């Protein structure tokens, strides 16, 4: 059995490329399809603003030991 280690890290202003990477037809098929660049930008700003908020906590999933963001 192979063990995959991941870590949850708070979403930051540097994570827009991950959001773009996850915005594919395959990844959003059951969510109504990909978002427009403007919608992605708005969502990214909401995610960043949520850090430190009591209303929401947005995290990215990071593959270890490589440190590569792979999901949210």
N, C-alpha and C. Protein backbone atom coordinates (compact mmCIF):
# COMPACT_ATOMS: atom_id res chain seq x y z
N UNK A 1 0.85 -1.18 0.00
CA UNK A 1 0.00 0.00 0.00
C UNK A 1 0.89 1.24 0.00
N UNK A 2 0.58 2.18 -0.86
CA UNK A 2 1.32 3.43 -0.94
C UNK A 2 0.60 4.50 -0.13
N UNK A 3 1.37 5.24 0.64
CA UNK A 3 0.80 6.32 1.43
C UNK A 3 1.14 7.65 0.76
N UNK A 4 0.13 8.48 0.55
CA UNK A 4 0.33 9.81 0.01
C UNK A 4 0.11 10.81 1.13
N UNK A 5 1.09 11.66 1.34
CA UNK A 5 0.97 12.67 2.38
C UNK A 5 0.57 14.00 1.77
N UNK A 6 -0.40 14.63 2.40
CA UNK A 6 -0.84 15.96 1.99
C UNK A 6 -0.91 16.85 3.21
N UNK A 7 -0.93 18.13 2.96
CA UNK A 7 -1.04 19.12 4.03
C UNK A 7 -2.06 20.17 3.59
N UNK A 8 -2.84 20.66 4.53
CA UNK A 8 -3.74 21.77 4.24
C UNK A 8 -3.07 23.05 4.66
N UNK A 9 -3.07 24.02 3.75
CA UNK A 9 -2.47 25.33 4.01
C UNK A 9 -3.49 26.41 3.68
N UNK A 10 -3.47 27.51 4.41
CA UNK A 10 -4.40 28.60 4.09
C UNK A 10 -4.20 29.12 2.67
N UNK A 11 -5.29 29.51 2.04
CA UNK A 11 -5.25 30.11 0.70
C UNK A 11 -4.58 31.46 0.80
N UNK A 12 -3.71 31.79 -0.15
CA UNK A 12 -3.00 33.07 -0.14
C UNK A 12 -3.16 33.78 -1.48
N UNK A 13 -2.67 34.99 -1.54
CA UNK A 13 -2.71 35.77 -2.77
C UNK A 13 -1.90 35.15 -3.90
N UNK A 14 -1.00 34.24 -3.58
CA UNK A 14 -0.16 33.58 -4.59
C UNK A 14 -0.81 32.35 -5.22
N UNK A 15 -2.03 32.03 -4.83
CA UNK A 15 -2.65 30.78 -5.25
C UNK A 15 -3.57 30.88 -6.46
N UNK A 16 -3.60 32.00 -7.13
CA UNK A 16 -4.44 32.15 -8.33
C UNK A 16 -4.09 31.10 -9.39
N UNK A 17 -2.81 30.77 -9.63
CA UNK A 17 -2.52 29.74 -10.64
C UNK A 17 -3.18 28.38 -10.33
N UNK A 18 -3.32 28.04 -9.06
CA UNK A 18 -4.01 26.79 -8.70
C UNK A 18 -5.47 26.88 -9.07
N UNK A 19 -6.09 28.00 -8.81
CA UNK A 19 -7.50 28.19 -9.14
C UNK A 19 -7.71 28.06 -10.65
N UNK A 20 -6.81 28.63 -11.43
CA UNK A 20 -6.88 28.53 -12.89
C UNK A 20 -6.70 27.07 -13.32
N UNK A 21 -5.76 26.38 -12.70
CA UNK A 21 -5.48 24.98 -13.02
C UNK A 21 -6.69 24.10 -12.74
N UNK A 22 -7.45 24.41 -11.70
CA UNK A 22 -8.62 23.60 -11.34
C UNK A 22 -9.87 23.97 -12.13
N UNK A 23 -9.80 24.99 -12.96
CA UNK A 23 -10.96 25.51 -13.70
C UNK A 23 -11.08 24.88 -15.09
N UNK A 24 -11.00 23.56 -15.14
CA UNK A 24 -11.10 22.85 -16.42
C UNK A 24 -12.50 22.26 -16.59
N UNK A 25 -12.89 21.96 -17.82
CA UNK A 25 -14.20 21.33 -18.02
C UNK A 25 -14.35 20.03 -17.21
N UNK A 26 -13.28 19.24 -17.13
CA UNK A 26 -13.34 17.98 -16.40
C UNK A 26 -13.53 18.20 -14.90
N UNK A 27 -12.87 19.20 -14.34
CA UNK A 27 -12.94 19.46 -12.91
C UNK A 27 -14.22 20.19 -12.51
N UNK A 28 -14.87 20.85 -13.45
CA UNK A 28 -16.05 21.65 -13.12
C UNK A 28 -17.33 21.10 -13.77
N UNK A 29 -17.25 19.90 -14.30
CA UNK A 29 -18.37 19.31 -15.04
C UNK A 29 -19.67 19.32 -14.24
N UNK A 30 -19.60 19.00 -12.95
CA UNK A 30 -20.81 18.93 -12.13
C UNK A 30 -21.09 20.24 -11.39
N UNK A 31 -20.35 21.27 -11.73
CA UNK A 31 -20.52 22.58 -11.10
C UNK A 31 -20.99 23.63 -12.09
N UNK A 32 -21.38 23.20 -13.28
CA UNK A 32 -21.86 24.15 -14.28
C UNK A 32 -20.81 24.57 -15.29
N UNK A 33 -19.64 23.96 -15.25
CA UNK A 33 -18.58 24.26 -16.21
C UNK A 33 -17.61 25.31 -15.70
N UNK A 34 -16.57 25.57 -16.48
CA UNK A 34 -15.53 26.51 -16.07
C UNK A 34 -16.07 27.93 -15.87
N UNK A 35 -15.41 28.66 -14.99
CA UNK A 35 -15.74 30.05 -14.75
C UNK A 35 -14.97 30.94 -15.71
N UNK A 36 -15.49 32.13 -15.93
CA UNK A 36 -14.79 33.11 -16.76
C UNK A 36 -13.60 33.64 -15.97
N UNK A 37 -12.62 34.26 -16.65
CA UNK A 37 -11.50 34.86 -15.93
C UNK A 37 -11.96 35.86 -14.85
N UNK A 38 -13.00 36.63 -15.16
CA UNK A 38 -13.51 37.59 -14.18
C UNK A 38 -14.10 36.89 -12.96
N UNK A 39 -14.84 35.81 -13.18
CA UNK A 39 -15.40 35.04 -12.07
C UNK A 39 -14.29 34.42 -11.21
N UNK A 40 -13.25 33.91 -11.88
CA UNK A 40 -12.11 33.35 -11.13
C UNK A 40 -11.43 34.41 -10.29
N UNK A 41 -11.24 35.58 -10.86
CA UNK A 41 -10.59 36.68 -10.13
C UNK A 41 -11.42 37.07 -8.90
N UNK A 42 -12.73 37.15 -9.08
CA UNK A 42 -13.60 37.48 -7.95
C UNK A 42 -13.55 36.41 -6.87
N UNK A 43 -13.55 35.14 -7.28
CA UNK A 43 -13.50 34.05 -6.30
C UNK A 43 -12.17 34.05 -5.56
N UNK A 44 -11.10 34.28 -6.29
CA UNK A 44 -9.77 34.34 -5.67
C UNK A 44 -9.73 35.45 -4.61
N UNK A 45 -10.26 36.61 -4.94
CA UNK A 45 -10.30 37.71 -3.96
C UNK A 45 -11.11 37.34 -2.72
N UNK A 46 -12.23 36.64 -2.91
CA UNK A 46 -13.03 36.19 -1.76
C UNK A 46 -12.25 35.19 -0.91
N UNK A 47 -11.53 34.28 -1.56
CA UNK A 47 -10.74 33.29 -0.83
C UNK A 47 -9.66 33.97 0.00
N UNK A 48 -8.96 34.92 -0.60
CA UNK A 48 -7.89 35.63 0.11
C UNK A 48 -8.48 36.42 1.27
N UNK A 49 -9.61 37.08 1.04
CA UNK A 49 -10.25 37.89 2.09
C UNK A 49 -10.75 37.02 3.24
N UNK A 50 -11.05 35.75 2.97
CA UNK A 50 -11.57 34.86 4.00
C UNK A 50 -10.53 34.52 5.05
N UNK A 51 -9.25 34.63 4.70
CA UNK A 51 -8.20 34.31 5.66
C UNK A 51 -8.32 35.23 6.87
N UNK A 52 -8.40 34.66 8.03
CA UNK A 52 -8.53 35.45 9.25
C UNK A 52 -9.97 35.81 9.57
N UNK A 53 -10.89 35.41 8.70
CA UNK A 53 -12.31 35.70 8.92
C UNK A 53 -12.94 34.56 9.71
N UNK A 54 -13.88 34.88 10.53
CA UNK A 54 -14.61 33.84 11.25
C UNK A 54 -15.68 33.20 10.36
N UNK A 55 -15.96 33.82 9.21
CA UNK A 55 -17.03 33.35 8.34
C UNK A 55 -16.63 32.13 7.50
N UNK A 56 -15.38 32.04 7.10
CA UNK A 56 -14.96 30.95 6.21
C UNK A 56 -13.47 30.68 6.37
N UNK A 57 -13.09 29.47 6.02
CA UNK A 57 -11.68 29.09 6.01
C UNK A 57 -11.43 28.36 4.69
N UNK A 58 -10.61 28.93 3.84
CA UNK A 58 -10.31 28.34 2.55
C UNK A 58 -8.88 27.81 2.59
N UNK A 59 -8.73 26.55 2.17
CA UNK A 59 -7.42 25.91 2.21
C UNK A 59 -7.07 25.34 0.85
N UNK A 60 -5.77 25.23 0.60
CA UNK A 60 -5.28 24.49 -0.57
C UNK A 60 -4.71 23.17 -0.05
N UNK A 61 -4.72 22.15 -0.90
CA UNK A 61 -4.16 20.85 -0.57
C UNK A 61 -2.79 20.79 -1.22
N UNK A 62 -1.78 20.51 -0.40
CA UNK A 62 -0.39 20.49 -0.88
C UNK A 62 0.16 19.08 -0.75
N UNK A 63 0.69 18.55 -1.84
CA UNK A 63 1.29 17.22 -1.88
C UNK A 63 2.67 17.28 -1.24
N UNK A 64 2.93 16.38 -0.30
CA UNK A 64 4.23 16.33 0.36
C UNK A 64 5.00 15.09 -0.12
N UNK A 65 6.30 15.13 -0.15
CA UNK A 65 7.18 16.19 0.33
C UNK A 65 7.49 17.25 -0.73
N UNK A 66 6.88 17.12 -1.92
CA UNK A 66 7.21 18.04 -3.02
C UNK A 66 6.78 19.47 -2.77
N UNK A 67 5.71 19.65 -1.96
CA UNK A 67 5.21 21.00 -1.71
C UNK A 67 4.41 21.56 -2.87
N UNK A 68 3.82 20.68 -3.69
CA UNK A 68 3.08 21.10 -4.86
C UNK A 68 1.60 21.22 -4.53
N UNK A 69 0.99 22.39 -4.78
CA UNK A 69 -0.46 22.51 -4.56
C UNK A 69 -1.21 21.67 -5.59
N UNK A 70 -2.17 20.86 -5.11
CA UNK A 70 -2.88 19.95 -6.01
C UNK A 70 -4.40 20.08 -5.93
N UNK A 71 -4.90 20.89 -5.02
CA UNK A 71 -6.35 21.00 -4.91
C UNK A 71 -6.74 22.05 -3.89
N UNK A 72 -8.04 22.19 -3.72
CA UNK A 72 -8.58 23.18 -2.78
C UNK A 72 -9.77 22.60 -2.07
